[in-house]
Amino acid sequence: AERGFLTIAFDPSFTGESGGNVRYMASPDINTEDFMAAVDFLSLN
């Protein structure tokens, strides 16, 4: 962002402040979708 980009750093599903009932796990399907949802958010901003 200091270099001119609008940026987001996100907690993936099940981690940190993000939602999801099972905590501290990874799922390639869900986590790939997390990145795609971030792109959705940015593209609509």
ModelCIF file with pLDDT and N, C-alpha, C, O atoms, coordinates in Angstrom:
data_MODEL
#
_entry.id   MODEL 
#
_entity.id                         1 
_entity.type                       polymer 
_entity.pdbx_number_of_molecules   1 
#
_entity_poly.entity_id                      1 
_entity_poly.type                           'polypeptide(L)' 
_entity_poly.nstd_linkage                   no 
_entity_poly.nstd_monomer                   no 
_entity_poly.pdbx_seq_one_letter_code       AERGFLTIAFDPSFTGESGGNVRYMASPDINTEDFMAAVDFLSLN 
_entity_poly.pdbx_seq_one_letter_code_can   AERGFLTIAFDPSFTGESGGNVRYMASPDINTEDFMAAVDFLSLN 
_entity_poly.pdbx_strand_id                 A 
#
loop_
_entity_poly_seq.entity_id 
_entity_poly_seq.num 
_entity_poly_seq.mon_id 
_entity_poly_seq.hetero 
1 1  ALA n 
1 2  GLU n 
1 3  ARG n 
1 4  GLY n 
1 5  PHE n 
1 6  LEU n 
1 7  THR n 
1 8  ILE n 
1 9  ALA n 
1 10 PHE n 
1 11 ASP n 
1 12 PRO n 
1 13 SER n 
1 14 PHE n 
1 15 THR n 
1 16 GLY n 
1 17 GLU n 
1 18 SER n 
1 19 GLY n 
1 20 GLY n 
1 21 ASN n 
1 22 VAL n 
1 23 ARG n 
1 24 TYR n 
1 25 MET n 
1 26 ALA n 
1 27 SER n 
1 28 PRO n 
1 29 ASP n 
1 30 ILE n 
1 31 ASN n 
1 32 THR n 
1 33 GLU n 
1 34 ASP n 
1 35 PHE n 
1 36 MET n 
1 37 ALA n 
1 38 ALA n 
1 39 VAL n 
1 40 ASP n 
1 41 PHE n 
1 42 LEU n 
1 43 SER n 
1 44 LEU n 
1 45 ASN n 
#
_struct_asym.id          A 
_struct_asym.entity_id   1 
#
loop_
_ma_qa_metric.id 
_ma_qa_metric.mode 
_ma_qa_metric.name 
_ma_qa_metric.software_group_id 
_ma_qa_metric.type 
1 global pLDDT . pLDDT 
2 local  pLDDT . pLDDT 
#
_ma_qa_metric_global.metric_id      1 
_ma_qa_metric_global.metric_value   95.09 
_ma_qa_metric_global.model_id       1 
_ma_qa_metric_global.ordinal_id     1 
#
loop_
_ma_qa_metric_local.label_asym_id 
_ma_qa_metric_local.label_comp_id 
_ma_qa_metric_local.label_seq_id 
_ma_qa_metric_local.metric_id 
_ma_qa_metric_local.metric_value 
_ma_qa_metric_local.model_id 
_ma_qa_metric_local.ordinal_id 
A ALA 1  2 98.00 1 1  
A GLU 2  2 98.00 1 2  
A ARG 3  2 98.00 1 3  
A GLY 4  2 98.00 1 4  
A PHE 5  2 98.00 1 5  
A LEU 6  2 98.00 1 6  
A THR 7  2 98.00 1 7  
A ILE 8  2 98.00 1 8  
A ALA 9  2 98.00 1 9  
A PHE 10 2 98.00 1 10 
A ASP 11 2 98.00 1 11 
A PRO 12 2 96.00 1 12 
A SER 13 2 96.00 1 13 
A PHE 14 2 96.00 1 14 
A THR 15 2 95.00 1 15 
A GLY 16 2 96.00 1 16 
A GLU 17 2 97.00 1 17 
A SER 18 2 97.00 1 18 
A GLY 19 2 96.00 1 19 
A GLY 20 2 93.00 1 20 
A ASN 21 2 88.00 1 21 
A VAL 22 2 89.00 1 22 
A ARG 23 2 89.00 1 23 
A TYR 24 2 82.00 1 24 
A MET 25 2 85.00 1 25 
A ALA 26 2 84.00 1 26 
A SER 27 2 88.00 1 27 
A PRO 28 2 88.00 1 28 
A ASP 29 2 92.00 1 29 
A ILE 30 2 95.00 1 30 
A ASN 31 2 94.00 1 31 
A THR 32 2 95.00 1 32 
A GLU 33 2 97.00 1 33 
A ASP 34 2 97.00 1 34 
A PHE 35 2 97.00 1 35 
A MET 36 2 98.00 1 36 
A ALA 37 2 98.00 1 37 
A ALA 38 2 98.00 1 38 
A VAL 39 2 98.00 1 39 
A ASP 40 2 98.00 1 40 
A PHE 41 2 98.00 1 41 
A LEU 42 2 98.00 1 42 
A SER 43 2 98.00 1 43 
A LEU 44 2 97.00 1 44 
A ASN 45 2 98.00 1 45 
#
loop_
_atom_site.group_PDB 
_atom_site.id 
_atom_site.type_symbol 
_atom_site.label_atom_id 
_atom_site.label_alt_id 
_atom_site.label_comp_id 
_atom_site.label_asym_id 
_atom_site.label_entity_id 
_atom_site.label_seq_id 
_atom_site.pdbx_PDB_ins_code 
_atom_site.Cartn_x 
_atom_site.Cartn_y 
_atom_site.Cartn_z 
_atom_site.occupancy 
_atom_site.B_iso_or_equiv 
_atom_site.pdbx_formal_charge 
_atom_site.auth_seq_id 
_atom_site.auth_comp_id 
_atom_site.auth_asym_id 
_atom_site.auth_atom_id 
_atom_site.pdbx_PDB_model_num 
ATOM 1   N N  . ALA A 1 1  ? 0.839   -1.203  0.000  1.00 98.00 ? 1  ALA A N  1 
ATOM 2   C CA . ALA A 1 1  ? 0.000   0.000   0.000  1.00 98.00 ? 1  ALA A CA 1 
ATOM 3   C C  . ALA A 1 1  ? 0.874   1.254   0.000  1.00 98.00 ? 1  ALA A C  1 
ATOM 4   O O  . ALA A 1 1  ? 0.526   2.252   -0.631 1.00 98.00 ? 1  ALA A O  1 
ATOM 5   N N  . GLU A 1 2  ? 1.994   1.207   0.696  1.00 98.00 ? 2  GLU A N  1 
ATOM 6   C CA . GLU A 1 2  ? 2.925   2.342   0.659  1.00 98.00 ? 2  GLU A CA 1 
ATOM 7   C C  . GLU A 1 2  ? 3.445   2.578   -0.760 1.00 98.00 ? 2  GLU A C  1 
ATOM 8   O O  . GLU A 1 2  ? 3.869   3.684   -1.096 1.00 98.00 ? 2  GLU A O  1 
ATOM 9   N N  . ARG A 1 3  ? 3.411   1.544   -1.581 1.00 98.00 ? 3  ARG A N  1 
ATOM 10  C CA . ARG A 1 3  ? 3.885   1.638   -2.963 1.00 98.00 ? 3  ARG A CA 1 
ATOM 11  C C  . ARG A 1 3  ? 2.762   1.928   -3.958 1.00 98.00 ? 3  ARG A C  1 
ATOM 12  O O  . ARG A 1 3  ? 2.979   1.889   -5.169 1.00 98.00 ? 3  ARG A O  1 
ATOM 13  N N  . GLY A 1 4  ? 1.547   2.222   -3.445 1.00 98.00 ? 4  GLY A N  1 
ATOM 14  C CA . GLY A 1 4  ? 0.467   2.678   -4.316 1.00 98.00 ? 4  GLY A CA 1 
ATOM 15  C C  . GLY A 1 4  ? -0.662  1.702   -4.583 1.00 98.00 ? 4  GLY A C  1 
ATOM 16  O O  . GLY A 1 4  ? -1.568  2.013   -5.356 1.00 98.00 ? 4  GLY A O  1 
ATOM 17  N N  . PHE A 1 5  ? -0.632  0.536   -3.969 1.00 98.00 ? 5  PHE A N  1 
ATOM 18  C CA . PHE A 1 5  ? -1.698  -0.451  -4.153 1.00 98.00 ? 5  PHE A CA 1 
ATOM 19  C C  . PHE A 1 5  ? -2.718  -0.349  -3.025 1.00 98.00 ? 5  PHE A C  1 
ATOM 20  O O  . PHE A 1 5  ? -2.356  -0.052  -1.887 1.00 98.00 ? 5  PHE A O  1 
ATOM 21  N N  . LEU A 1 6  ? -3.988  -0.592  -3.334 1.00 98.00 ? 6  LEU A N  1 
ATOM 22  C CA . LEU A 1 6  ? -4.976  -0.843  -2.291 1.00 98.00 ? 6  LEU A CA 1 
ATOM 23  C C  . LEU A 1 6  ? -4.818  -2.323  -1.970 1.00 98.00 ? 6  LEU A C  1 
ATOM 24  O O  . LEU A 1 6  ? -4.863  -3.163  -2.869 1.00 98.00 ? 6  LEU A O  1 
ATOM 25  N N  . THR A 1 7  ? -4.633  -2.644  -0.699 1.00 98.00 ? 7  THR A N  1 
ATOM 26  C CA . THR A 1 7  ? -4.370  -4.036  -0.338 1.00 98.00 ? 7  THR A CA 1 
ATOM 27  C C  . THR A 1 7  ? -5.270  -4.509  0.781  1.00 98.00 ? 7  THR A C  1 
ATOM 28  O O  . THR A 1 7  ? -5.779  -3.719  1.577  1.00 98.00 ? 7  THR A O  1 
ATOM 29  N N  . ILE A 1 8  ? -5.453  -5.819  0.823  1.00 98.00 ? 8  ILE A N  1 
ATOM 30  C CA . ILE A 1 8  ? -6.088  -6.442  1.974  1.00 98.00 ? 8  ILE A CA 1 
ATOM 31  C C  . ILE A 1 8  ? -5.222  -7.633  2.399  1.00 98.00 ? 8  ILE A C  1 
ATOM 32  O O  . ILE A 1 8  ? -4.692  -8.371  1.568  1.00 98.00 ? 8  ILE A O  1 
ATOM 33  N N  . ALA A 1 9  ? -5.098  -7.790  3.702  1.00 98.00 ? 9  ALA A N  1 
ATOM 34  C CA . ALA A 1 9  ? -4.495  -8.986  4.289  1.00 98.00 ? 9  ALA A CA 1 
ATOM 35  C C  . ALA A 1 9  ? -5.625  -9.657  5.054  1.00 98.00 ? 9  ALA A C  1 
ATOM 36  O O  . ALA A 1 9  ? -6.225  -9.047  5.939  1.00 98.00 ? 9  ALA A O  1 
ATOM 37  N N  . PHE A 1 10 ? -5.919  -10.912 4.717  1.00 98.00 ? 10 PHE A N  1 
ATOM 38  C CA . PHE A 1 10 ? -7.081  -11.543 5.339  1.00 98.00 ? 10 PHE A CA 1 
ATOM 39  C C  . PHE A 1 10 ? -6.698  -12.797 6.125  1.00 98.00 ? 10 PHE A C  1 
ATOM 40  O O  . PHE A 1 10 ? -5.725  -13.484 5.814  1.00 98.00 ? 10 PHE A O  1 
ATOM 41  N N  . ASP A 1 11 ? -7.503  -13.067 7.157  1.00 98.00 ? 11 ASP A N  1 
ATOM 42  C CA . ASP A 1 11 ? -7.405  -14.333 7.868  1.00 98.00 ? 11 ASP A CA 1 
ATOM 43  C C  . ASP A 1 11 ? -8.213  -15.352 7.086  1.00 98.00 ? 11 ASP A C  1 
ATOM 44  O O  . ASP A 1 11 ? -9.378  -15.099 6.779  1.00 98.00 ? 11 ASP A O  1 
ATOM 45  N N  . PRO A 1 12 ? -7.624  -16.505 6.751  1.00 96.00 ? 12 PRO A N  1 
ATOM 46  C CA . PRO A 1 12 ? -8.394  -17.516 6.028  1.00 96.00 ? 12 PRO A CA 1 
ATOM 47  C C  . PRO A 1 12 ? -9.491  -18.114 6.902  1.00 96.00 ? 12 PRO A C  1 
ATOM 48  O O  . PRO A 1 12 ? -9.514  -17.908 8.116  1.00 96.00 ? 12 PRO A O  1 
ATOM 49  N N  . SER A 1 13 ? -10.382 -18.842 6.285  1.00 96.00 ? 13 SER A N  1 
ATOM 50  C CA . SER A 1 13 ? -11.438 -19.540 7.021  1.00 96.00 ? 13 SER A CA 1 
ATOM 51  C C  . SER A 1 13 ? -10.847 -20.339 8.184  1.00 96.00 ? 13 SER A C  1 
ATOM 52  O O  . SER A 1 13 ? -9.783  -20.945 8.058  1.00 96.00 ? 13 SER A O  1 
ATOM 53  N N  . PHE A 1 14 ? -11.539 -20.329 9.294  1.00 96.00 ? 14 PHE A N  1 
ATOM 54  C CA . PHE A 1 14 ? -11.194 -21.113 10.486 1.00 96.00 ? 14 PHE A CA 1 
ATOM 55  C C  . PHE A 1 14 ? -9.994  -20.565 11.258 1.00 96.00 ? 14 PHE A C  1 
ATOM 56  O O  . PHE A 1 14 ? -9.493  -21.231 12.164 1.00 96.00 ? 14 PHE A O  1 
ATOM 57  N N  . THR A 1 15 ? -9.524  -19.357 10.913 1.00 95.00 ? 15 THR A N  1 
ATOM 58  C CA . THR A 1 15 ? -8.290  -18.836 11.501 1.00 95.00 ? 15 THR A CA 1 
ATOM 59  C C  . THR A 1 15 ? -8.480  -17.390 11.941 1.00 95.00 ? 15 THR A C  1 
ATOM 60  O O  . THR A 1 15 ? -9.234  -16.641 11.320 1.00 95.00 ? 15 THR A O  1 
ATOM 61  N N  . GLY A 1 16 ? -7.793  -16.999 13.014 1.00 96.00 ? 16 GLY A N  1 
ATOM 62  C CA . GLY A 1 16 ? -7.787  -15.606 13.461 1.00 96.00 ? 16 GLY A CA 1 
ATOM 63  C C  . GLY A 1 16 ? -9.188  -15.078 13.715 1.00 96.00 ? 16 GLY A C  1 
ATOM 64  O O  . GLY A 1 16 ? -10.009 -15.735 14.354 1.00 96.00 ? 16 GLY A O  1 
ATOM 65  N N  . GLU A 1 17 ? -9.450  -13.877 13.202 1.00 97.00 ? 17 GLU A N  1 
ATOM 66  C CA . GLU A 1 17 ? -10.753 -13.248 13.410 1.00 97.00 ? 17 GLU A CA 1 
ATOM 67  C C  . GLU A 1 17 ? -11.816 -13.731 12.427 1.00 97.00 ? 17 GLU A C  1 
ATOM 68  O O  . GLU A 1 17 ? -12.987 -13.380 12.572 1.00 97.00 ? 17 GLU A O  1 
ATOM 69  N N  . SER A 1 18 ? -11.434 -14.520 11.440 1.00 97.00 ? 18 SER A N  1 
ATOM 70  C CA . SER A 1 18 ? -12.409 -15.008 10.454 1.00 97.00 ? 18 SER A CA 1 
ATOM 71  C C  . SER A 1 18 ? -13.299 -16.089 11.056 1.00 97.00 ? 18 SER A C  1 
ATOM 72  O O  . SER A 1 18 ? -12.986 -16.685 12.087 1.00 97.00 ? 18 SER A O  1 
ATOM 73  N N  . GLY A 1 19 ? -14.414 -16.317 10.379 1.00 96.00 ? 19 GLY A N  1 
ATOM 74  C CA . GLY A 1 19 ? -15.384 -17.293 10.840 1.00 96.00 ? 19 GLY A CA 1 
ATOM 75  C C  . GLY A 1 19 ? -15.024 -18.715 10.460 1.00 96.00 ? 19 GLY A C  1 
ATOM 76  O O  . GLY A 1 19 ? -13.939 -19.006 9.957  1.00 96.00 ? 19 GLY A O  1 
ATOM 77  N N  . GLY A 1 20 ? -15.975 -19.577 10.722 1.00 93.00 ? 20 GLY A N  1 
ATOM 78  C CA . GLY A 1 20 ? -15.799 -21.007 10.488 1.00 93.00 ? 20 GLY A CA 1 
ATOM 79  C C  . GLY A 1 20 ? -15.773 -21.722 11.821 1.00 93.00 ? 20 GLY A C  1 
ATOM 80  O O  . GLY A 1 20 ? -15.046 -21.325 12.732 1.00 93.00 ? 20 GLY A O  1 
ATOM 81  N N  . ASN A 1 21 ? -16.560 -22.768 11.938 1.00 88.00 ? 21 ASN A N  1 
ATOM 82  C CA . ASN A 1 21 ? -16.732 -23.427 13.235 1.00 88.00 ? 21 ASN A CA 1 
ATOM 83  C C  . ASN A 1 21 ? -15.577 -24.338 13.625 1.00 88.00 ? 21 ASN A C  1 
ATOM 84  O O  . ASN A 1 21 ? -15.251 -24.416 14.810 1.00 88.00 ? 21 ASN A O  1 
ATOM 85  N N  . VAL A 1 22 ? -14.961 -25.011 12.707 1.00 89.00 ? 22 VAL A N  1 
ATOM 86  C CA . VAL A 1 22 ? -13.808 -25.832 13.037 1.00 89.00 ? 22 VAL A CA 1 
ATOM 87  C C  . VAL A 1 22 ? -12.605 -24.902 13.011 1.00 89.00 ? 22 VAL A C  1 
ATOM 88  O O  . VAL A 1 22 ? -12.370 -24.249 11.995 1.00 89.00 ? 22 VAL A O  1 
ATOM 89  N N  . ARG A 1 23 ? -11.852 -24.818 14.069 1.00 89.00 ? 23 ARG A N  1 
ATOM 90  C CA . ARG A 1 23 ? -10.753 -23.864 14.138 1.00 89.00 ? 23 ARG A CA 1 
ATOM 91  C C  . ARG A 1 23 ? -9.419  -24.518 13.782 1.00 89.00 ? 23 ARG A C  1 
ATOM 92  O O  . ARG A 1 23 ? -9.214  -25.714 13.991 1.00 89.00 ? 23 ARG A O  1 
ATOM 93  N N  . TYR A 1 24 ? -8.529  -23.706 13.244 1.00 82.00 ? 24 TYR A N  1 
ATOM 94  C CA . TYR A 1 24 ? -7.137  -24.082 12.974 1.00 82.00 ? 24 TYR A CA 1 
ATOM 95  C C  . TYR A 1 24 ? -7.012  -25.304 12.069 1.00 82.00 ? 24 TYR A C  1 
ATOM 96  O O  . TYR A 1 24 ? -6.281  -26.245 12.375 1.00 82.00 ? 24 TYR A O  1 
ATOM 97  N N  . MET A 1 25 ? -7.721  -25.275 10.971 1.00 85.00 ? 25 MET A N  1 
ATOM 98  C CA . MET A 1 25 ? -7.598  -26.334 9.973  1.00 85.00 ? 25 MET A CA 1 
ATOM 99  C C  . MET A 1 25 ? -7.448  -25.703 8.599  1.00 85.00 ? 25 MET A C  1 
ATOM 100 O O  . MET A 1 25 ? -7.723  -24.518 8.409  1.00 85.00 ? 25 MET A O  1 
ATOM 101 N N  . ALA A 1 26 ? -7.014  -26.501 7.660  1.00 84.00 ? 26 ALA A N  1 
ATOM 102 C CA . ALA A 1 26 ? -6.865  -26.016 6.289  1.00 84.00 ? 26 ALA A CA 1 
ATOM 103 C C  . ALA A 1 26 ? -7.639  -26.933 5.353  1.00 84.00 ? 26 ALA A C  1 
ATOM 104 O O  . ALA A 1 26 ? -7.759  -28.133 5.597  1.00 84.00 ? 26 ALA A O  1 
ATOM 105 N N  . SER A 1 27 ? -8.155  -26.356 4.291  1.00 88.00 ? 27 SER A N  1 
ATOM 106 C CA . SER A 1 27 ? -8.854  -27.102 3.257  1.00 88.00 ? 27 SER A CA 1 
ATOM 107 C C  . SER A 1 27 ? -8.478  -26.467 1.922  1.00 88.00 ? 27 SER A C  1 
ATOM 108 O O  . SER A 1 27 ? -8.825  -25.311 1.681  1.00 88.00 ? 27 SER A O  1 
ATOM 109 N N  . PRO A 1 28 ? -7.782  -27.186 1.056  1.00 88.00 ? 28 PRO A N  1 
ATOM 110 C CA . PRO A 1 28 ? -7.415  -26.588 -0.234 1.00 88.00 ? 28 PRO A CA 1 
ATOM 111 C C  . PRO A 1 28 ? -8.615  -26.015 -0.988 1.00 88.00 ? 28 PRO A C  1 
ATOM 112 O O  . PRO A 1 28 ? -8.495  -24.953 -1.600 1.00 88.00 ? 28 PRO A O  1 
ATOM 113 N N  . ASP A 1 29 ? -9.748  -26.677 -0.961 1.00 92.00 ? 29 ASP A N  1 
ATOM 114 C CA . ASP A 1 29 ? -10.934 -26.166 -1.650 1.00 92.00 ? 29 ASP A CA 1 
ATOM 115 C C  . ASP A 1 29 ? -11.421 -24.860 -1.032 1.00 92.00 ? 29 ASP A C  1 
ATOM 116 O O  . ASP A 1 29 ? -11.617 -23.867 -1.734 1.00 92.00 ? 29 ASP A O  1 
ATOM 117 N N  . ILE A 1 30 ? -11.611 -24.867 0.270  1.00 95.00 ? 30 ILE A N  1 
ATOM 118 C CA . ILE A 1 30 ? -12.138 -23.684 0.945  1.00 95.00 ? 30 ILE A CA 1 
ATOM 119 C C  . ILE A 1 30 ? -11.121 -22.555 0.903  1.00 95.00 ? 30 ILE A C  1 
ATOM 120 O O  . ILE A 1 30 ? -11.490 -21.401 0.686  1.00 95.00 ? 30 ILE A O  1 
ATOM 121 N N  . ASN A 1 31 ? -9.857  -22.866 1.104  1.00 94.00 ? 31 ASN A N  1 
ATOM 122 C CA . ASN A 1 31 ? -8.842  -21.806 1.137  1.00 94.00 ? 31 ASN A CA 1 
ATOM 123 C C  . ASN A 1 31 ? -8.580  -21.207 -0.236 1.00 94.00 ? 31 ASN A C  1 
ATOM 124 O O  . ASN A 1 31 ? -8.261  -20.021 -0.330 1.00 94.00 ? 31 ASN A O  1 
ATOM 125 N N  . THR A 1 32 ? -8.703  -21.980 -1.290 1.00 95.00 ? 32 THR A N  1 
ATOM 126 C CA . THR A 1 32 ? -8.646  -21.412 -2.640 1.00 95.00 ? 32 THR A CA 1 
ATOM 127 C C  . THR A 1 32 ? -9.827  -20.469 -2.829 1.00 95.00 ? 32 THR A C  1 
ATOM 128 O O  . THR A 1 32 ? -9.676  -19.383 -3.388 1.00 95.00 ? 32 THR A O  1 
ATOM 129 N N  . GLU A 1 33 ? -10.984 -20.875 -2.372 1.00 97.00 ? 33 GLU A N  1 
ATOM 130 C CA . GLU A 1 33 ? -12.173 -20.014 -2.443 1.00 97.00 ? 33 GLU A CA 1 
ATOM 131 C C  . GLU A 1 33 ? -11.991 -18.753 -1.610 1.00 97.00 ? 33 GLU A C  1 
ATOM 132 O O  . GLU A 1 33 ? -12.503 -17.697 -1.982 1.00 97.00 ? 33 GLU A O  1 
ATOM 133 N N  . ASP A 1 34 ? -11.268 -18.839 -0.482 1.00 97.00 ? 34 ASP A N  1 
ATOM 134 C CA . ASP A 1 34 ? -10.996 -17.638 0.315  1.00 97.00 ? 34 ASP A CA 1 
ATOM 135 C C  . ASP A 1 34 ? -10.290 -16.587 -0.537 1.00 97.00 ? 34 ASP A C  1 
ATOM 136 O O  . ASP A 1 34 ? -10.668 -15.416 -0.524 1.00 97.00 ? 34 ASP A O  1 
ATOM 137 N N  . PHE A 1 35 ? -9.258  -17.013 -1.282 1.00 97.00 ? 35 PHE A N  1 
ATOM 138 C CA . PHE A 1 35 ? -8.549  -16.077 -2.160 1.00 97.00 ? 35 PHE A CA 1 
ATOM 139 C C  . PHE A 1 35 ? -9.492  -15.532 -3.240 1.00 97.00 ? 35 PHE A C  1 
ATOM 140 O O  . PHE A 1 35 ? -9.449  -14.343 -3.556 1.00 97.00 ? 35 PHE A O  1 
ATOM 141 N N  . MET A 1 36 ? -10.344 -16.398 -3.805 1.00 98.00 ? 36 MET A N  1 
ATOM 142 C CA . MET A 1 36 ? -11.276 -15.937 -4.839 1.00 98.00 ? 36 MET A CA 1 
ATOM 143 C C  . MET A 1 36 ? -12.286 -14.946 -4.258 1.00 98.00 ? 36 MET A C  1 
ATOM 144 O O  . MET A 1 36 ? -12.667 -13.987 -4.928 1.00 98.00 ? 36 MET A O  1 
ATOM 145 N N  . ALA A 1 37 ? -12.722 -15.173 -3.015 1.00 98.00 ? 37 ALA A N  1 
ATOM 146 C CA . ALA A 1 37 ? -13.638 -14.233 -2.359 1.00 98.00 ? 37 ALA A CA 1 
ATOM 147 C C  . ALA A 1 37 ? -12.946 -12.893 -2.112 1.00 98.00 ? 37 ALA A C  1 
ATOM 148 O O  . ALA A 1 37 ? -13.582 -11.843 -2.199 1.00 98.00 ? 37 ALA A O  1 
ATOM 149 N N  . ALA A 1 38 ? -11.650 -12.923 -1.805 1.00 98.00 ? 38 ALA A N  1 
ATOM 150 C CA . ALA A 1 38 ? -10.892 -11.678 -1.641 1.00 98.00 ? 38 ALA A CA 1 
ATOM 151 C C  . ALA A 1 38 ? -10.847 -10.915 -2.962 1.00 98.00 ? 38 ALA A C  1 
ATOM 152 O O  . ALA A 1 38 ? -10.967 -9.690  -2.980 1.00 98.00 ? 38 ALA A O  1 
ATOM 153 N N  . VAL A 1 39 ? -10.673 -11.639 -4.065 1.00 98.00 ? 39 VAL A N  1 
ATOM 154 C CA . VAL A 1 39 ? -10.677 -11.005 -5.390 1.00 98.00 ? 39 VAL A CA 1 
ATOM 155 C C  . VAL A 1 39 ? -12.073 -10.458 -5.691 1.00 98.00 ? 39 VAL A C  1 
ATOM 156 O O  . VAL A 1 39 ? -12.197 -9.374  -6.262 1.00 98.00 ? 39 VAL A O  1 
ATOM 157 N N  . ASP A 1 40 ? -13.121 -11.187 -5.317 1.00 98.00 ? 40 ASP A N  1 
ATOM 158 C CA . ASP A 1 40 ? -14.492 -10.668 -5.457 1.00 98.00 ? 40 ASP A CA 1 
ATOM 159 C C  . ASP A 1 40 ? -14.613 -9.330  -4.737 1.00 98.00 ? 40 ASP A C  1 
ATOM 160 O O  . ASP A 1 40 ? -15.082 -8.346  -5.308 1.00 98.00 ? 40 ASP A O  1 
ATOM 161 N N  . PHE A 1 41 ? -14.186 -9.307  -3.480 1.00 98.00 ? 41 PHE A N  1 
ATOM 162 C CA . PHE A 1 41 ? -14.277 -8.090  -2.673 1.00 98.00 ? 41 PHE A CA 1 
ATOM 163 C C  . PHE A 1 41 ? -13.539 -6.934  -3.343 1.00 98.00 ? 41 PHE A C  1 
ATOM 164 O O  . PHE A 1 41 ? -14.075 -5.833  -3.465 1.00 98.00 ? 41 PHE A O  1 
ATOM 165 N N  . LEU A 1 42 ? -12.311 -7.191  -3.774 1.00 98.00 ? 42 LEU A N  1 
ATOM 166 C CA . LEU A 1 42 ? -11.523 -6.128  -4.404 1.00 98.00 ? 42 LEU A CA 1 
ATOM 167 C C  . LEU A 1 42 ? -12.143 -5.662  -5.705 1.00 98.00 ? 42 LEU A C  1 
ATOM 168 O O  . LEU A 1 42 ? -12.195 -4.462  -5.975 1.00 98.00 ? 42 LEU A O  1 
ATOM 169 N N  . SER A 1 43 ? -12.616 -6.600  -6.515 1.00 98.00 ? 43 SER A N  1 
ATOM 170 C CA . SER A 1 43 ? -13.143 -6.222  -7.831 1.00 98.00 ? 43 SER A CA 1 
ATOM 171 C C  . SER A 1 43 ? -14.409 -5.386  -7.725 1.00 98.00 ? 43 SER A C  1 
ATOM 172 O O  . SER A 1 43 ? -14.745 -4.655  -8.657 1.00 98.00 ? 43 SER A O  1 
ATOM 173 N N  . LEU A 1 44 ? -15.115 -5.482  -6.603 1.00 97.00 ? 44 LEU A N  1 
ATOM 174 C CA . LEU A 1 44 ? -16.343 -4.713  -6.395 1.00 97.00 ? 44 LEU A CA 1 
ATOM 175 C C  . LEU A 1 44 ? -16.118 -3.414  -5.627 1.00 97.00 ? 44 LEU A C  1 
ATOM 176 O O  . LEU A 1 44 ? -17.041 -2.615  -5.471 1.00 97.00 ? 44 LEU A O  1 
ATOM 177 N N  . ASN A 1 45 ? -14.888 -3.203  -5.146 1.00 98.00 ? 45 ASN A N  1 
ATOM 178 C CA . ASN A 1 45 ? -14.579 -2.004  -4.385 1.00 98.00 ? 45 ASN A CA 1 
ATOM 179 C C  . ASN A 1 45 ? -14.465 -0.815  -5.344 1.00 98.00 ? 45 ASN A C  1 
ATOM 180 O O  . ASN A 1 45 ? -14.208 0.307   -4.909 1.00 98.00 ? 45 ASN A O  1 
#
